[in-house]
Amino acid sequence: MIRRLVNLFAAPIAVAVEYGVHVHGEVFRDGDTFSREYQENRLRLMREIWPDAELVSRNVYYGEWKEPS
């Protein structure tokens, strides 16, 4: 029981979503990756070259700040 509680509180919390454009197995993350609108505009431009390009997203997790080791 205690171990489950420790794991629950130690788990990172998703605080943001990052966007990119996926083309042929690669994700392009240029520009403002936290702006969906920005990445959707890039997607429209990239589809002129790669019609199968698609918008993708991922959750971004943040941990505690600490001094580098």
Protein backbone atom coordinates (compact mmCIF):
# COMPACT_ATOMS: atom_id res chain seq x y z
CA MET A 1 0.00 0.00 0.00
CA ILE A 2 2.72 2.49 0.93
CA ARG A 3 4.72 1.63 -2.20
CA ARG A 4 1.69 2.36 -4.39
CA LEU A 5 1.21 5.74 -2.71
CA VAL A 6 4.88 6.62 -3.17
CA ASN A 7 4.68 5.68 -6.86
CA LEU A 8 1.50 7.72 -7.27
CA PHE A 9 3.10 10.88 -5.88
CA ALA A 10 6.41 10.28 -7.67
CA ALA A 11 4.73 10.01 -11.08
CA PRO A 12 5.27 13.04 -13.34
CA ILE A 13 2.29 15.21 -14.21
CA ALA A 14 1.55 16.17 -17.81
CA VAL A 15 1.43 19.93 -17.96
CA ALA A 16 1.70 20.63 -21.66
CA VAL A 17 1.14 19.20 -25.12
CA GLU A 18 3.78 19.52 -27.84
CA TYR A 19 2.93 19.34 -31.56
CA GLY A 20 4.92 18.40 -34.63
CA VAL A 21 4.48 17.27 -38.23
CA HIS A 22 5.07 13.60 -39.01
CA VAL A 23 6.42 12.73 -42.46
CA HIS A 24 7.83 9.36 -43.54
CA GLY A 25 8.79 8.20 -40.03
CA GLU A 26 10.26 11.51 -38.88
CA VAL A 27 8.69 14.19 -36.70
CA PHE A 28 9.58 17.78 -37.55
CA ARG A 29 9.40 19.99 -34.45
CA ASP A 30 10.47 23.36 -35.84
CA GLY A 31 9.17 26.66 -34.52
CA ASP A 32 6.66 26.92 -31.69
CA THR A 33 5.94 23.28 -30.83
CA PHE A 34 3.50 24.26 -28.07
CA SER A 35 1.20 26.10 -30.49
CA ARG A 36 -1.20 23.81 -32.31
CA GLU A 37 -2.19 26.65 -34.66
CA TYR A 38 1.45 27.26 -35.64
CA GLN A 39 2.01 23.56 -36.37
CA GLU A 40 -1.26 23.28 -38.32
CA ASN A 41 -0.05 26.13 -40.56
CA ARG A 42 3.27 24.31 -41.07
CA LEU A 43 1.33 21.15 -41.86
CA ARG A 44 -0.59 22.91 -44.65
CA LEU A 45 2.69 24.09 -46.20
CA MET A 46 4.37 20.70 -45.85
CA ARG A 47 1.42 18.91 -47.46
CA GLU A 48 2.21 20.77 -50.67
CA ILE A 49 5.39 18.65 -50.83
CA TRP A 50 4.30 15.59 -48.81
CA PRO A 51 0.52 15.03 -49.11
CA ASP A 52 0.64 12.29 -46.45
CA ALA A 53 2.11 14.58 -43.74
CA GLU A 54 0.11 14.55 -40.50
CA LEU A 55 -0.11 16.53 -37.28
CA VAL A 56 1.06 14.62 -34.19
CA SER A 57 1.17 15.49 -30.51
CA ARG A 58 2.71 14.24 -27.28
CA ASN A 59 2.35 15.02 -23.62
CA VAL A 60 5.28 16.82 -22.04
CA TYR A 61 6.15 15.91 -18.47
CA TYR A 62 8.10 18.03 -16.04
CA GLY A 63 9.92 16.91 -12.92
CA GLU A 64 11.43 18.79 -10.01
CA TRP A 65 14.23 21.29 -10.57
CA LYS A 66 17.55 20.06 -9.21
CA GLU A 67 21.21 20.88 -9.54
CA PRO A 68 22.95 19.02 -12.34
CA SER A 69 25.14 16.15 -11.24
